Amino acid sequence: MPSLVPVLQVLRSAREVALGEARAQATELAEMGLIGTLVEMEVLAIHLRRRALAVSVEPAE
């Protein structure tokens, strides 16, 4: 499994969450993905891509 450090850094800066919350969201993202509005997810994806992380945004089923 790749390091979650870059994801944690993005979540902390883009979403302005505490470290504990960033860890929880990073785990959720790695396992089943995050759910949010299209705008929220696209903004987060932009930040992740800037860190050279592969990201796709898909509609929930």
N, C-alpha and C. Protein backbone atom coordinates (compact mmCIF):
# COMPACT_ATOMS: atom_id res chain seq x y z
N MET A 1 0.85 -1.18 0.00
CA MET A 1 0.00 0.00 0.00
C MET A 1 0.89 1.24 0.00
N PRO A 2 0.58 2.19 -0.87
CA PRO A 2 1.37 3.42 -0.90
C PRO A 2 1.19 4.23 0.38
N SER A 3 2.11 5.13 0.60
CA SER A 3 2.06 5.98 1.78
C SER A 3 0.84 6.91 1.72
N LEU A 4 0.21 7.09 2.86
CA LEU A 4 -0.94 7.99 2.95
C LEU A 4 -0.52 9.42 3.30
N VAL A 5 0.78 9.64 3.50
CA VAL A 5 1.25 10.96 3.92
C VAL A 5 0.84 12.06 2.93
N PRO A 6 1.05 11.89 1.61
CA PRO A 6 0.63 12.96 0.70
C PRO A 6 -0.88 13.21 0.76
N VAL A 7 -1.65 12.13 0.92
CA VAL A 7 -3.11 12.28 1.02
C VAL A 7 -3.47 13.04 2.29
N LEU A 8 -2.82 12.70 3.40
CA LEU A 8 -3.07 13.41 4.65
C LEU A 8 -2.76 14.90 4.51
N GLN A 9 -1.65 15.21 3.87
CA GLN A 9 -1.27 16.61 3.68
C GLN A 9 -2.31 17.35 2.85
N VAL A 10 -2.80 16.72 1.80
CA VAL A 10 -3.81 17.35 0.95
C VAL A 10 -5.10 17.55 1.74
N LEU A 11 -5.55 16.53 2.43
CA LEU A 11 -6.79 16.65 3.19
C LEU A 11 -6.69 17.73 4.26
N ARG A 12 -5.56 17.80 4.92
CA ARG A 12 -5.39 18.81 5.97
C ARG A 12 -5.41 20.22 5.40
N SER A 13 -4.80 20.40 4.22
CA SER A 13 -4.76 21.75 3.65
C SER A 13 -6.02 22.09 2.87
N ALA A 14 -6.51 21.18 2.05
CA ALA A 14 -7.67 21.48 1.20
C ALA A 14 -8.97 21.52 1.99
N ARG A 15 -9.10 20.64 2.96
CA ARG A 15 -10.35 20.56 3.72
C ARG A 15 -10.22 21.19 5.10
N GLU A 16 -9.01 21.58 5.47
CA GLU A 16 -8.76 22.22 6.76
C GLU A 16 -9.32 21.40 7.92
N VAL A 17 -8.93 20.12 7.94
CA VAL A 17 -9.38 19.24 9.02
C VAL A 17 -8.21 18.90 9.93
N ALA A 18 -8.53 18.46 11.13
CA ALA A 18 -7.51 18.04 12.10
C ALA A 18 -6.87 16.74 11.63
N LEU A 19 -5.72 16.42 12.19
CA LEU A 19 -4.98 15.23 11.78
C LEU A 19 -5.81 13.96 11.94
N GLY A 20 -6.51 13.82 13.04
CA GLY A 20 -7.34 12.63 13.26
C GLY A 20 -8.41 12.47 12.21
N GLU A 21 -9.07 13.57 11.87
CA GLU A 21 -10.11 13.53 10.84
C GLU A 21 -9.48 13.26 9.47
N ALA A 22 -8.32 13.82 9.21
CA ALA A 22 -7.63 13.57 7.94
C ALA A 22 -7.26 12.09 7.82
N ARG A 23 -6.82 11.49 8.92
CA ARG A 23 -6.49 10.04 8.90
C ARG A 23 -7.73 9.22 8.58
N ALA A 24 -8.85 9.56 9.20
CA ALA A 24 -10.10 8.82 8.97
C ALA A 24 -10.53 8.96 7.51
N GLN A 25 -10.45 10.18 6.97
CA GLN A 25 -10.85 10.40 5.58
C GLN A 25 -9.89 9.73 4.61
N ALA A 26 -8.60 9.73 4.91
CA ALA A 26 -7.61 9.07 4.05
C ALA A 26 -7.86 7.57 4.00
N THR A 27 -8.20 6.99 5.13
CA THR A 27 -8.51 5.56 5.18
C THR A 27 -9.76 5.27 4.38
N GLU A 28 -10.78 6.09 4.56
CA GLU A 28 -12.02 5.93 3.80
C GLU A 28 -11.76 6.08 2.31
N LEU A 29 -10.96 7.05 1.94
CA LEU A 29 -10.63 7.28 0.53
C LEU A 29 -9.91 6.07 -0.06
N ALA A 30 -8.97 5.50 0.69
CA ALA A 30 -8.21 4.35 0.21
C ALA A 30 -9.07 3.10 0.10
N GLU A 31 -10.06 2.96 0.98
CA GLU A 31 -10.87 1.75 1.00
C GLU A 31 -12.04 1.80 0.03
N MET A 32 -12.94 2.73 0.21
CA MET A 32 -14.15 2.76 -0.61
C MET A 32 -14.39 4.08 -1.32
N GLY A 33 -13.54 5.05 -1.05
CA GLY A 33 -13.72 6.36 -1.67
C GLY A 33 -14.51 7.30 -0.78
N LEU A 34 -14.40 8.57 -1.07
CA LEU A 34 -15.13 9.59 -0.33
C LEU A 34 -16.40 9.96 -1.09
N ILE A 35 -17.39 10.39 -0.36
CA ILE A 35 -18.65 10.82 -0.98
C ILE A 35 -18.84 12.29 -0.66
N GLY A 36 -19.21 13.04 -1.68
CA GLY A 36 -19.48 14.46 -1.52
C GLY A 36 -20.08 15.00 -2.79
N THR A 37 -20.28 16.30 -2.82
CA THR A 37 -20.81 16.90 -4.04
C THR A 37 -19.75 16.82 -5.14
N LEU A 38 -20.19 16.93 -6.37
CA LEU A 38 -19.26 16.89 -7.49
C LEU A 38 -18.20 17.98 -7.35
N VAL A 39 -18.62 19.16 -6.95
CA VAL A 39 -17.67 20.28 -6.79
C VAL A 39 -16.64 19.96 -5.70
N GLU A 40 -17.10 19.46 -4.55
CA GLU A 40 -16.18 19.11 -3.46
C GLU A 40 -15.15 18.07 -3.92
N MET A 41 -15.62 17.06 -4.61
CA MET A 41 -14.74 15.97 -5.03
C MET A 41 -13.77 16.42 -6.13
N GLU A 42 -14.23 17.27 -7.03
CA GLU A 42 -13.34 17.77 -8.09
C GLU A 42 -12.26 18.67 -7.51
N VAL A 43 -12.62 19.50 -6.55
CA VAL A 43 -11.62 20.37 -5.91
C VAL A 43 -10.58 19.52 -5.18
N LEU A 44 -11.04 18.51 -4.44
CA LEU A 44 -10.12 17.61 -3.75
C LEU A 44 -9.25 16.87 -4.76
N ALA A 45 -9.84 16.43 -5.87
CA ALA A 45 -9.08 15.72 -6.91
C ALA A 45 -7.99 16.60 -7.49
N ILE A 46 -8.27 17.86 -7.69
CA ILE A 46 -7.26 18.80 -8.22
C ILE A 46 -6.05 18.84 -7.28
N HIS A 47 -6.33 18.97 -5.99
CA HIS A 47 -5.24 19.03 -5.00
C HIS A 47 -4.44 17.72 -4.98
N LEU A 48 -5.13 16.60 -5.07
CA LEU A 48 -4.44 15.30 -5.07
C LEU A 48 -3.59 15.13 -6.33
N ARG A 49 -4.12 15.54 -7.47
CA ARG A 49 -3.37 15.43 -8.73
C ARG A 49 -2.12 16.30 -8.71
N ARG A 50 -2.19 17.43 -8.05
CA ARG A 50 -1.00 18.29 -7.92
C ARG A 50 0.12 17.58 -7.19
N ARG A 51 -0.23 16.59 -6.37
CA ARG A 51 0.76 15.78 -5.64
C ARG A 51 1.10 14.52 -6.43
N ALA A 52 0.69 14.48 -7.70
CA ALA A 52 0.97 13.34 -8.60
C ALA A 52 0.29 12.06 -8.12
N LEU A 53 -0.89 12.21 -7.52
CA LEU A 53 -1.68 11.05 -7.09
C LEU A 53 -2.79 10.79 -8.10
N ALA A 54 -2.93 9.54 -8.51
CA ALA A 54 -3.98 9.18 -9.47
C ALA A 54 -5.34 9.24 -8.79
N VAL A 55 -6.26 9.95 -9.42
CA VAL A 55 -7.58 10.17 -8.85
C VAL A 55 -8.64 10.08 -9.95
N SER A 56 -9.78 9.52 -9.62
CA SER A 56 -10.92 9.59 -10.53
C SER A 56 -12.14 9.97 -9.71
N VAL A 57 -13.00 10.76 -10.31
CA VAL A 57 -14.24 11.17 -9.66
C VAL A 57 -15.37 10.52 -10.43
N GLU A 58 -16.17 9.74 -9.72
CA GLU A 58 -17.26 9.00 -10.35
C GLU A 58 -18.55 9.22 -9.57
N PRO A 59 -19.68 9.14 -10.27
CA PRO A 59 -20.95 9.28 -9.55
C PRO A 59 -21.19 8.08 -8.63
N ALA A 60 -21.85 8.33 -7.52
CA ALA A 60 -22.19 7.24 -6.59
C ALA A 60 -23.26 6.36 -7.23
N GLU A 61 -23.22 5.10 -6.90
CA GLU A 61 -24.21 4.17 -7.46
C GLU A 61 -25.34 3.93 -6.52
